[in-house]
C-alpha atoms as a PDB file:
ATOM      1  CA  MET A   1      13.289 -10.161  76.233  1.00  0.00           C
ATOM      2  CA  ARG A   2      11.141 -11.836  72.873  1.00  0.00           C
ATOM      3  CA  GLY A   3      12.076  -8.053  71.230  1.00  0.00           C
ATOM      4  CA  LEU A   4      15.171  -7.671  70.686  1.00  0.00           C
ATOM      5  CA  HIS A   5      14.990 -11.197  68.756  1.00  0.00           C
ATOM      6  CA  THR A   6      13.359 -10.701  66.398  1.00  0.00           C
ATOM      7  CA  ARG A   7      13.512 -10.120  61.903  1.00  0.00           C
ATOM      8  CA  ASN A   8      12.089  -6.842  62.861  1.00  0.00           C
ATOM      9  CA  PHE A   9      15.094  -6.083  65.479  1.00  0.00           C
ATOM     10  CA  PHE A  10      17.895  -6.959  63.178  1.00  0.00           C
ATOM     11  CA  TRP A  11      16.088  -5.012  60.507  1.00  0.00           C
ATOM     12  CA  GLN A  12      16.100  -2.064  63.050  1.00  0.00           C
ATOM     13  CA  TRP A  13      19.650  -2.609  63.616  1.00  0.00           C
ATOM     14  CA  HIS A  14      21.176  -2.805  60.897  1.00  0.00           C
ATOM     15  CA  ALA A  15      19.348  -0.167  59.564  1.00  0.00           C
ATOM     16  CA  VAL A  16      21.306   2.241  62.297  1.00  0.00           C
ATOM     17  CA  TYR A  17      24.084   0.388  61.988  1.00  0.00           C
ATOM     18  CA  ALA A  18      24.923   1.220  58.214  1.00  0.00           C
ATOM     19  CA  ALA A  19      23.287   5.028  58.228  1.00  0.00           C
ATOM     20  CA  SER A  20      26.404   5.198  61.256  1.00  0.00           C
ATOM     21  CA  ASN A  21      28.880   3.702  59.745  1.00  0.00           C
ATOM     22  CA  PRO A  22      28.661   4.222  56.852  1.00  0.00           C
ATOM     23  CA  GLY A  23      31.330   1.615  54.014  1.00  0.00           C
ATOM     24  CA  HIS A  24      31.528  -0.861  57.840  1.00  0.00           C
ATOM     25  CA  ALA A  25      34.994   1.085  57.863  1.00  0.00           C
ATOM     26  CA  LYS A  26      35.000   2.406  62.114  1.00  0.00           C
ATOM     27  CA  ALA A  27      35.848  -0.109  64.547  1.00  0.00           C
ATOM     28  CA  HIS A  28      34.784   2.505  67.242  1.00  0.00           C
ATOM     29  CA  TRP A  29      31.940   5.246  66.674  1.00  0.00           C
ATOM     30  CA  GLN A  30      29.401   7.057  69.085  1.00  0.00           C
ATOM     31  CA  VAL A  31      25.379   7.471  68.189  1.00  0.00           C
ATOM     32  CA  GLU A  32      24.587   9.655  70.871  1.00  0.00           C
ATOM     33  CA  ASP A  33      24.656   8.616  73.793  1.00  0.00           C
ATOM     34  CA  VAL A  34      25.860   5.035  72.609  1.00  0.00           C
ATOM     35  CA  SER A  35      28.963   3.923  72.136  1.00  0.00           C
ATOM     36  CA  TRP A  36      28.990   1.231  69.492  1.00  0.00           C
ATOM     37  CA  THR A  37      32.302  -0.652  68.635  1.00  0.00           C
ATOM     38  CA  LYS A  38      32.701  -3.583  66.537  1.00  0.00           C
ATOM     39  CA  GLN A  39      35.941  -6.618  66.113  1.00  0.00           C
ATOM     40  CA  ARG A  40      35.471  -8.830  63.109  1.00  0.00           C
ATOM     41  CA  HIS A  41      37.405 -11.828  62.558  1.00  0.00           C
ATOM     42  CA  VAL A  42      37.821 -13.557  59.601  1.00  0.00           C
ATOM     43  CA  TYR A  43      38.934 -18.003  58.731  1.00  0.00           C
ATOM     44  CA  TRP A  44      39.672 -17.799  55.407  1.00  0.00           C
ATOM     45  CA  GLY A  45      40.651 -21.791  55.070  1.00  0.00           C
ATOM     46  CA  GLU A  46      41.200 -24.426  51.822  1.00  0.00           C
ATOM     47  CA  HIS A  47      37.518 -26.068  52.464  1.00  0.00           C
ATOM     48  CA  TYR A  48      35.813 -23.518  54.445  1.00  0.00           C
ATOM     49  CA  SER A  49      35.281 -19.530  54.730  1.00  0.00           C
ATOM     50  CA  MET A  50      33.852 -17.889  58.300  1.00  0.00           C
ATOM     51  CA  GLN A  51      33.749 -13.466  58.821  1.00  0.00           C
ATOM     52  CA  GLN A  52      32.367 -13.046  62.193  1.00  0.00           C
ATOM     53  CA  GLU A  53      31.618  -9.902  63.633  1.00  0.00           C
ATOM     54  CA  VAL A  54      31.001  -8.724  67.576  1.00  0.00           C
ATOM     55  CA  HIS A  55      28.764  -5.304  67.970  1.00  0.00           C
ATOM     56  CA  ARG A  56      28.949  -4.208  71.753  1.00  0.00           C
ATOM     57  CA  LEU A  57      26.784  -1.310  72.106  1.00  0.00           C
ATOM     58  CA  GLU A  58      26.175   0.814  75.424  1.00  0.00           C
ATOM     59  CA  ARG A  59      24.594   3.763  76.599  1.00  0.00           C
ATOM     60  CA  ARG A  60      25.262   5.664  79.767  1.00  0.00           C
ATOM     61  CA  THR A  61      23.147   8.018  81.556  1.00  0.00           C
ATOM     62  CA  GLY A  62      26.074  10.437  83.612  1.00  0.00           C
ATOM     63  CA  SER A  63      28.289   6.529  84.775  1.00  0.00           C
ATOM     64  CA  LYS A  64      25.639   4.404  84.820  1.00  0.00           C
ATOM     65  CA  ILE A  65      25.057   1.991  82.183  1.00  0.00           C
ATOM     66  CA  ASP A  66      21.303   1.698  81.567  1.00  0.00           C
ATOM     67  CA  TRP A  67      21.549  -1.054  78.963  1.00  0.00           C
ATOM     68  CA  GLN A  68      24.465  -3.147  77.010  1.00  0.00           C
ATOM     69  CA  ILE A  69      23.869  -5.386  74.467  1.00  0.00           C
ATOM     70  CA  MET A  70      26.207  -7.559  72.176  1.00  0.00           C
ATOM     71  CA  VAL A  71      25.165  -8.677  68.553  1.00  0.00           C
ATOM     72  CA  VAL A  72      26.859 -11.160  66.815  1.00  0.00           C
ATOM     73  CA  THR A  73      26.934 -11.598  62.607  1.00  0.00           C
ATOM     74  CA  GLU A  74      28.319 -14.739  61.369  1.00  0.00           C
ATOM     75  CA  ARG A  75      28.631 -15.475  57.361  1.00  0.00           C
ATOM     76  CA  TRP A  76      30.004 -18.946  56.140  1.00  0.00           C
ATOM     77  CA  TRP A  77      31.119 -20.060  52.592  1.00  0.00           C
ATOM     78  CA  GLY A  78      32.165 -23.443  51.988  1.00  0.00           C
ATOM     79  CA  PRO A  79      34.814 -24.237  49.181  1.00  0.00           C
ATOM     80  CA  ASP A  80      33.029 -21.536  46.408  1.00  0.00           C
ATOM     81  CA  ARG A  81      33.897 -18.256  48.153  1.00  0.00           C
ATOM     82  CA  ASP A  82      31.129 -16.590  45.864  1.00  0.00           C
ATOM     83  CA  LYS A  83      28.565 -18.665  47.379  1.00  0.00           C
ATOM     84  CA  GLY A  84      26.779 -18.285  50.875  1.00  0.00           C
ATOM     85  CA  ILE A  85      25.721 -21.246  52.944  1.00  0.00           C
ATOM     86  CA  ARG A  86      25.571 -19.832  55.789  1.00  0.00           C
ATOM     87  CA  ASP A  87      24.807 -16.322  57.111  1.00  0.00           C
ATOM     88  CA  THR A  88      23.006 -15.484  60.480  1.00  0.00           C
ATOM     89  CA  SER A  89      22.841 -13.141  63.961  1.00  0.00           C
ATOM     90  CA  TRP A  90      21.996 -13.010  67.605  1.00  0.00           C
ATOM     91  CA  CYS A  91      21.507 -10.521  70.314  1.00  0.00           C
ATOM     92  CA  LYS A  92      22.227 -11.171  73.872  1.00  0.00           C
ATOM     93  CA  LEU A  93      21.411  -8.168  76.136  1.00  0.00           C
ATOM     94  CA  ILE A  94      24.177  -8.175  78.553  1.00  0.00           C
ATOM     95  CA  THR A  95      22.919  -5.101  81.569  1.00  0.00           C
ATOM     96  CA  GLY A  96      19.194  -2.739  81.178  1.00  0.00           C
ATOM     97  CA  ARG A  97      16.009  -3.631  79.817  1.00  0.00           C
ATOM     98  CA  ALA A  98      15.240  -5.032  76.189  1.00  0.00           C
ATOM     99  CA  ASP A  99      11.818  -2.122  75.851  1.00  0.00           C
ATOM    100  CA  ARG A 100      15.091   0.559  76.736  1.00  0.00           C
ATOM    101  CA  VAL A 101      16.954  -0.818  74.025  1.00  0.00           C
ATOM    102  CA  LEU A 102      13.971  -1.367  71.254  1.00  0.00           C
ATOM    103  CA  ALA A 103      12.867   2.102  72.348  1.00  0.00           C
ATOM    104  CA  TRP A 104      16.749   3.123  71.543  1.00  0.00           C
ATOM    105  CA  LEU A 105      16.287   2.198  68.079  1.00  0.00           C
ATOM    106  CA  ARG A 106      12.980   3.548  66.841  1.00  0.00           C
ATOM    107  CA  LYS A 107      13.762   6.682  67.757  1.00  0.00           C
ATOM    108  CA  GLN A 108      17.382   6.525  65.291  1.00  0.00           C
ATOM    109  CA  GLU A 109      15.164   4.871  62.502  1.00  0.00           C
ATOM    110  CA  ALA A 110      12.748   7.689  63.643  1.00  0.00           C
ATOM    111  CA  ARG A 111      14.788  10.481  63.248  1.00  0.00           C
ATOM    112  CA  GLN A 112      16.836   8.808  59.663  1.00  0.00           C
ATOM    113  CA  SER A 113      12.655   8.383  58.201  1.00  0.00           C
ATOM    114  CA  SER A 114      13.264  12.673  58.916  1.00  0.00           C
ATOM    115  CA  VAL A 115      15.713  13.962  57.895  1.00  0.00           C
ATOM    116  CA  PRO A 116      15.655  15.544  54.040  1.00  0.00           C
ATOM    117  CA  THR A 117      17.488  13.643  51.254  1.00  0.00           C
ATOM    118  CA  SER A 118      18.910  15.657  49.066  1.00  0.00           C
ATOM    119  CA  GLU A 119      17.726  13.784  45.772  1.00  0.00           C
ATOM    120  CA  GLY A 120      16.964  15.056  43.132  1.00  0.00           C
ATOM    121  CA  PRO A 121      15.226  14.490  39.075  1.00  0.00           C
ATOM    122  CA  GLY A 122      19.130  13.815  38.029  1.00  0.00           C
ATOM    123  CA  ASP A 123      20.296  12.089  40.906  1.00  0.00           C
ATOM    124  CA  VAL A 124      21.462   8.124  39.081  1.00  0.00           C
ATOM    125  CA  SER A 125      19.254   7.064  42.846  1.00  0.00           C
ATOM    126  CA  GLN A 126      16.840   7.291  41.107  1.00  0.00           C
ATOM    127  CA  GLY A 127      16.886   4.659  38.858  1.00  0.00           C
ATOM    128  CA  ALA A 128      17.608   4.353  34.971  1.00  0.00           C
ATOM    129  CA  PRO A 129      17.500   6.923  32.760  1.00  0.00           C
ATOM    130  CA  GLY A 130      13.994   6.227  31.085  1.00  0.00           C
ATOM    131  CA  GLN A 131      11.847   4.808  33.908  1.00  0.00           C
END
């Protein structure tokens, strides 16, 4: 199950998260046959502050659960809230097999890379003028 605890896993997971929930505003959404739920917990104190997001992804085949994972991201700040002091993520396979989760992520990554972009010569995402 090491595959769910690698940088590559978190990079792929975050890419799917960002593409499927632009602005990170949704609390529940679908990515094909996977139900994705996010809960955010925040504490702002005088000496420290923290934010925790708990993501639950569940893939079903008919009425049967194929797999479930929980991904938790944590961000911590000290008294100076402009500077983070810790940023960590972890994942727990709740049900199913890790190789199926990883296969689904690879499929999503391939799908995203095959989507044509609308960027053109005048598109601001291409960089500043003259670059």
